[in-house]
Protein backbone atom coordinates (compact mmCIF):
# COMPACT_ATOMS: atom_id res chain seq x y z
CA MET A 1 -0.59 -13.85 7.92
CA ALA A 2 0.61 -10.95 10.07
CA PHE A 3 4.12 -11.39 8.65
CA LEU A 4 2.82 -11.13 5.07
CA SER A 5 0.82 -8.07 6.00
CA GLY A 6 3.94 -6.45 7.48
CA VAL A 7 5.94 -7.21 4.34
CA LYS A 8 3.13 -5.74 2.24
CA TRP A 9 3.18 -2.51 4.28
CA ILE A 10 6.95 -2.17 4.08
CA LEU A 11 6.97 -2.68 0.31
CA THR A 12 3.96 -0.44 -0.26
CA ILE A 13 5.29 2.47 1.80
CA LYS A 14 8.77 2.28 0.27
CA SER A 15 7.56 2.11 -3.32
CA THR A 16 4.86 4.78 -3.02
CA SER A 17 7.14 7.22 -1.19
CA ALA A 18 9.85 6.73 -3.80
CA TYR A 19 7.32 7.20 -6.60
CA VAL A 20 6.02 10.46 -5.14
CA ALA A 21 9.52 11.77 -4.43
CA GLN A 22 10.65 10.95 -7.95
CA ASN A 23 7.66 12.20 -9.93
CA VAL A 24 6.54 15.33 -8.05
CA LYS A 25 8.19 18.71 -8.62
CA VAL A 26 10.50 19.86 -5.83
CA GLY A 27 8.23 22.77 -4.92
CA GLU A 28 5.20 20.48 -4.61
CA ARG A 29 6.92 17.54 -2.93
CA ALA A 30 5.75 18.42 0.60
CA GLN A 31 2.16 18.60 -0.59
CA GLY A 32 2.55 15.30 -2.46
CA MET A 33 3.95 13.55 0.60
CA GLY A 34 1.15 15.05 2.70
CA LEU A 35 -1.47 13.70 0.32
CA LEU A 36 0.25 10.32 0.35
CA ASN A 37 0.12 10.32 4.16
CA ALA A 38 -3.56 11.31 4.11
CA MET A 39 -4.42 8.48 1.71
CA MET A 40 -2.50 5.96 3.82
CA SER A 41 -4.38 7.15 6.90
CA LEU A 42 -7.66 6.72 5.04
CA GLU A 43 -6.51 3.22 4.12
CA TRP A 44 -6.31 2.38 7.83
CA VAL A 45 -10.07 3.01 8.01
CA VAL A 46 -11.22 1.57 4.69
CA GLY A 47 -8.92 -1.49 4.75
CA PRO A 48 -10.38 -3.17 7.84
CA LEU A 49 -13.92 -2.40 6.71
CA LEU A 50 -13.29 -4.00 3.33
CA GLY A 51 -11.37 -6.90 4.89
CA GLY A 52 -14.20 -7.62 7.31
CA TYR A 53 -16.71 -7.54 4.49
CA LEU A 54 -14.63 -9.89 2.31
CA SER A 55 -14.05 -12.27 5.23
CA GLY A 56 -17.78 -12.42 5.72
CA ILE A 57 -18.14 -13.58 2.13
CA SER A 58 -15.16 -15.94 2.07
CA PHE A 59 -11.83 -16.11 3.88
CA GLN A 60 -10.15 -17.31 0.68
CA LEU A 61 -11.39 -14.20 -1.14
CA ASN A 62 -9.94 -12.03 1.63
CA PHE A 63 -6.60 -13.88 1.46
CA VAL A 64 -6.34 -13.59 -2.33
CA SER A 65 -7.27 -9.90 -2.19
CA THR A 66 -4.31 -9.44 0.17
CA LEU A 67 -1.90 -11.35 -2.04
CA ILE A 68 -2.58 -9.22 -5.13
CA PRO A 69 -1.44 -5.89 -3.59
CA LEU A 70 1.45 -7.72 -1.92
CA GLY A 71 2.62 -9.03 -5.29
CA LEU A 72 2.24 -5.64 -6.97
CA ALA A 73 4.15 -3.88 -4.19
CA PHE A 74 6.90 -6.50 -4.41
CA LEU A 75 7.22 -6.01 -8.17
CA LEU A 76 7.32 -2.21 -7.74
CA ALA A 77 10.00 -2.50 -5.07
CA LEU A 78 12.11 -4.64 -7.39
CA ARG A 79 11.72 -2.13 -10.25
CA LEU A 80 12.58 1.02 -8.28
CA PRO A 81 16.26 1.86 -7.87
CA GLY A 82 17.84 2.24 -4.44
């Protein structure tokens, strides 16, 4: 499970950074990357809270809710060049 989580993080960070770098104007790129970093930091707080809540309901629900973002990040990483 930790391996899948690591793969999810690698794919998510690569694809979101590439998306921001590609779609934000050059003059606003630093601000865009800063906001991306702030949202990822917030995710470190919200993610475990949500994961703990979902595990309390059902471990299968928590596992499936991890696989969906993993699959989306994988598809985005395949679509993005370089």
